[in-house]
Amino acid sequence: MRFYLMPGVGHGTGPFHPAIDSLSALDHWVESGAAPETLQMSDLNTAKLGRTRPLCRYPAWPKFVGGNVTDVASFSCVDR
């Protein structure tokens, strides 16, 4: 079992309007036996379209490590 927090979503009314391909992640998990450590969330909010963030496996949290703040590669999953 895996649990992923969605920072900024706020019960669906936060600054993020998430889009996640969880079905492909689940399919890959079932087919390969490799559970995902992180997933990727894309923002559908028209003001921030294209912004991406990692969804880290709990209890980890995405920490900005430098670079473009709209790019998933600028974040690292770290324990709180």
N, C-alpha and C. Protein backbone atom coordinates (compact mmCIF):
# COMPACT_ATOMS: atom_id res chain seq x y z
N MET A 1 0.84 -1.18 0.00
CA MET A 1 0.00 0.00 0.00
C MET A 1 0.89 1.24 0.00
N ARG A 2 0.47 2.25 -0.73
CA ARG A 2 1.20 3.51 -0.81
C ARG A 2 0.24 4.66 -0.53
N PHE A 3 0.78 5.72 0.08
CA PHE A 3 0.00 6.92 0.37
C PHE A 3 0.81 8.12 -0.09
N TYR A 4 0.21 8.98 -0.89
CA TYR A 4 0.88 10.15 -1.44
C TYR A 4 0.08 11.40 -1.08
N LEU A 5 0.75 12.37 -0.46
CA LEU A 5 0.11 13.65 -0.17
C LEU A 5 0.20 14.55 -1.40
N MET A 6 -0.79 15.40 -1.58
CA MET A 6 -0.82 16.33 -2.70
C MET A 6 -0.70 17.75 -2.17
N PRO A 7 0.52 18.27 -2.04
CA PRO A 7 0.70 19.62 -1.51
C PRO A 7 0.03 20.67 -2.40
N GLY A 8 -0.67 21.59 -1.78
CA GLY A 8 -1.30 22.68 -2.51
C GLY A 8 -2.67 22.39 -3.06
N VAL A 9 -3.16 21.17 -2.89
CA VAL A 9 -4.46 20.83 -3.47
C VAL A 9 -5.60 21.29 -2.57
N GLY A 10 -5.48 21.16 -1.28
CA GLY A 10 -6.48 21.68 -0.35
C GLY A 10 -7.89 21.17 -0.59
N HIS A 11 -8.11 19.90 -0.56
CA HIS A 11 -9.43 19.28 -0.75
C HIS A 11 -10.05 19.67 -2.09
N GLY A 12 -9.22 19.87 -3.09
CA GLY A 12 -9.71 20.16 -4.43
C GLY A 12 -9.95 21.63 -4.72
N THR A 13 -9.70 22.51 -3.74
CA THR A 13 -9.95 23.93 -3.96
C THR A 13 -8.71 24.78 -3.76
N GLY A 14 -7.54 24.16 -3.71
CA GLY A 14 -6.30 24.89 -3.48
C GLY A 14 -5.75 25.49 -4.76
N PRO A 15 -4.50 25.95 -4.71
CA PRO A 15 -3.88 26.58 -5.88
C PRO A 15 -3.55 25.59 -7.00
N PHE A 16 -3.56 24.31 -6.70
CA PHE A 16 -3.32 23.28 -7.72
C PHE A 16 -4.64 22.66 -8.15
N HIS A 17 -4.76 22.39 -9.43
CA HIS A 17 -5.84 21.57 -9.97
C HIS A 17 -5.14 20.37 -10.59
N PRO A 18 -4.97 19.30 -9.81
CA PRO A 18 -4.06 18.23 -10.19
C PRO A 18 -4.56 17.33 -11.32
N ALA A 19 -3.61 16.90 -12.10
CA ALA A 19 -3.84 15.86 -13.11
C ALA A 19 -2.75 14.82 -12.88
N ILE A 20 -3.17 13.59 -12.62
CA ILE A 20 -2.24 12.51 -12.31
C ILE A 20 -2.64 11.28 -13.11
N ASP A 21 -1.66 10.66 -13.72
CA ASP A 21 -1.93 9.42 -14.45
C ASP A 21 -1.73 8.24 -13.51
N SER A 22 -2.61 8.12 -12.54
CA SER A 22 -2.47 7.06 -11.54
C SER A 22 -2.77 5.68 -12.12
N LEU A 23 -3.59 5.62 -13.15
CA LEU A 23 -3.91 4.32 -13.75
C LEU A 23 -2.67 3.70 -14.39
N SER A 24 -1.87 4.50 -15.09
CA SER A 24 -0.64 3.97 -15.69
C SER A 24 0.34 3.53 -14.62
N ALA A 25 0.42 4.30 -13.53
CA ALA A 25 1.31 3.92 -12.42
C ALA A 25 0.86 2.60 -11.80
N LEU A 26 -0.43 2.45 -11.61
CA LEU A 26 -0.97 1.21 -11.06
C LEU A 26 -0.73 0.04 -12.01
N ASP A 27 -0.96 0.26 -13.29
CA ASP A 27 -0.73 -0.78 -14.29
C ASP A 27 0.73 -1.23 -14.29
N HIS A 28 1.64 -0.26 -14.25
CA HIS A 28 3.07 -0.59 -14.22
C HIS A 28 3.42 -1.37 -12.95
N TRP A 29 2.84 -0.98 -11.83
CA TRP A 29 3.07 -1.66 -10.56
C TRP A 29 2.63 -3.13 -10.65
N VAL A 30 1.44 -3.35 -11.20
CA VAL A 30 0.90 -4.71 -11.31
C VAL A 30 1.71 -5.54 -12.30
N GLU A 31 2.03 -4.95 -13.45
CA GLU A 31 2.73 -5.69 -14.50
C GLU A 31 4.19 -5.98 -14.16
N SER A 32 4.87 -5.03 -13.51
CA SER A 32 6.30 -5.19 -13.25
C SER A 32 6.61 -5.62 -11.82
N GLY A 33 5.65 -5.43 -10.93
CA GLY A 33 5.88 -5.74 -9.53
C GLY A 33 6.67 -4.67 -8.80
N ALA A 34 6.93 -3.54 -9.48
CA ALA A 34 7.71 -2.45 -8.89
C ALA A 34 6.76 -1.31 -8.49
N ALA A 35 6.58 -1.14 -7.19
CA ALA A 35 5.71 -0.07 -6.69
C ALA A 35 6.39 1.28 -6.87
N PRO A 36 5.65 2.32 -7.23
CA PRO A 36 6.26 3.64 -7.43
C PRO A 36 6.63 4.30 -6.10
N GLU A 37 7.78 4.94 -6.08
CA GLU A 37 8.18 5.73 -4.91
C GLU A 37 7.60 7.14 -5.02
N THR A 38 7.57 7.66 -6.25
CA THR A 38 6.99 8.98 -6.48
C THR A 38 6.10 8.93 -7.71
N LEU A 39 5.17 9.85 -7.76
CA LEU A 39 4.33 10.06 -8.93
C LEU A 39 4.50 11.52 -9.33
N GLN A 40 3.99 11.88 -10.49
CA GLN A 40 4.10 13.27 -10.93
C GLN A 40 2.71 13.86 -11.09
N MET A 41 2.55 15.07 -10.57
CA MET A 41 1.29 15.79 -10.66
C MET A 41 1.50 16.99 -11.58
N SER A 42 0.61 17.16 -12.54
CA SER A 42 0.62 18.34 -13.41
C SER A 42 -0.53 19.24 -13.01
N ASP A 43 -0.34 20.53 -13.16
CA ASP A 43 -1.35 21.51 -12.75
C ASP A 43 -2.20 21.92 -13.94
N LEU A 44 -3.51 21.79 -13.79
CA LEU A 44 -4.45 22.22 -14.84
C LEU A 44 -5.01 23.61 -14.57
N ASN A 45 -4.57 24.25 -13.49
CA ASN A 45 -4.97 25.62 -13.19
C ASN A 45 -4.51 26.51 -14.34
N THR A 46 -5.43 27.21 -14.97
CA THR A 46 -5.09 28.00 -16.17
C THR A 46 -4.05 29.08 -15.89
N ALA A 47 -3.98 29.57 -14.66
CA ALA A 47 -2.99 30.59 -14.33
C ALA A 47 -1.58 30.00 -14.23
N LYS A 48 -1.48 28.72 -13.97
CA LYS A 48 -0.18 28.06 -13.78
C LYS A 48 -0.02 26.83 -14.66
N LEU A 49 -0.70 26.78 -15.77
CA LEU A 49 -0.71 25.61 -16.63
C LEU A 49 0.70 25.11 -16.94
N GLY A 50 0.90 23.83 -16.74
CA GLY A 50 2.19 23.23 -17.02
C GLY A 50 3.07 23.03 -15.80
N ARG A 51 2.69 23.60 -14.67
CA ARG A 51 3.48 23.43 -13.45
C ARG A 51 3.40 21.96 -13.02
N THR A 52 4.52 21.40 -12.61
CA THR A 52 4.55 20.00 -12.17
C THR A 52 5.19 19.89 -10.80
N ARG A 53 4.76 18.89 -10.06
CA ARG A 53 5.31 18.61 -8.73
C ARG A 53 5.38 17.10 -8.55
N PRO A 54 6.34 16.65 -7.74
CA PRO A 54 6.35 15.23 -7.41
C PRO A 54 5.32 14.93 -6.33
N LEU A 55 4.75 13.77 -6.39
CA LEU A 55 3.94 13.26 -5.28
C LEU A 55 4.83 12.24 -4.59
N CYS A 56 5.22 12.56 -3.39
CA CYS A 56 6.17 11.73 -2.66
C CYS A 56 5.44 10.72 -1.79
N ARG A 57 6.04 9.56 -1.68
CA ARG A 57 5.47 8.53 -0.81
C ARG A 57 5.58 8.99 0.64
N TYR A 58 4.46 8.97 1.34
CA TYR A 58 4.42 9.40 2.73
C TYR A 58 5.39 8.57 3.57
N PRO A 59 6.16 9.19 4.44
CA PRO A 59 6.07 10.52 5.01
C PRO A 59 6.94 11.57 4.31
N ALA A 60 7.51 11.23 3.16
CA ALA A 60 8.35 12.20 2.45
C ALA A 60 7.51 13.37 1.93
N TRP A 61 8.19 14.46 1.63
CA TRP A 61 7.55 15.70 1.21
C TRP A 61 8.42 16.33 0.13
N PRO A 62 7.83 16.97 -0.90
CA PRO A 62 8.65 17.58 -1.94
C PRO A 62 9.34 18.85 -1.45
N LYS A 63 10.65 18.87 -1.56
CA LYS A 63 11.44 20.02 -1.14
C LYS A 63 12.07 20.65 -2.38
N PHE A 64 11.94 21.97 -2.49
CA PHE A 64 12.56 22.69 -3.60
C PHE A 64 14.07 22.66 -3.42
N VAL A 65 14.79 22.20 -4.44
CA VAL A 65 16.25 22.09 -4.35
C VAL A 65 16.96 23.04 -5.30
N GLY A 66 16.20 23.80 -6.07
CA GLY A 66 16.80 24.77 -6.98
C GLY A 66 16.38 24.54 -8.41
N GLY A 67 16.42 25.60 -9.19
CA GLY A 67 16.03 25.51 -10.59
C GLY A 67 14.70 26.19 -10.84
N ASN A 68 14.01 25.72 -11.84
CA ASN A 68 12.73 26.27 -12.25
C ASN A 68 11.63 25.80 -11.29
N VAL A 69 10.95 26.72 -10.63
CA VAL A 69 9.94 26.34 -9.63
C VAL A 69 8.72 25.66 -10.23
N THR A 70 8.58 25.68 -11.54
CA THR A 70 7.44 25.02 -12.17
C THR A 70 7.77 23.61 -12.65
N ASP A 71 9.01 23.16 -12.44
CA ASP A 71 9.47 21.88 -12.98
C ASP A 71 9.66 20.84 -11.88
N VAL A 72 9.11 19.67 -12.09
CA VAL A 72 9.21 18.58 -11.13
C VAL A 72 10.67 18.24 -10.80
N ALA A 73 11.58 18.44 -11.74
CA ALA A 73 12.99 18.13 -11.53
C ALA A 73 13.66 19.05 -10.51
N SER A 74 13.00 20.14 -10.15
CA SER A 74 13.55 21.09 -9.18
C SER A 74 13.20 20.73 -7.74
N PHE A 75 12.57 19.58 -7.56
CA PHE A 75 12.14 19.13 -6.23
C PHE A 75 12.71 17.75 -5.93
N SER A 76 12.90 17.50 -4.66
CA SER A 76 13.37 16.21 -4.21
C SER A 76 12.48 15.76 -3.05
N CYS A 77 12.14 14.49 -3.02
CA CYS A 77 11.33 13.97 -1.92
C CYS A 77 12.24 13.71 -0.72
N VAL A 78 11.92 14.38 0.39
CA VAL A 78 12.72 14.25 1.60
C VAL A 78 11.79 13.95 2.78
N ASP A 79 12.35 13.28 3.78
CA ASP A 79 11.57 13.05 4.99
C ASP A 79 11.42 14.36 5.74
N ARG A 80 10.27 14.56 6.31
CA ARG A 80 9.99 15.81 7.05
C ARG A 80 10.76 15.87 8.32
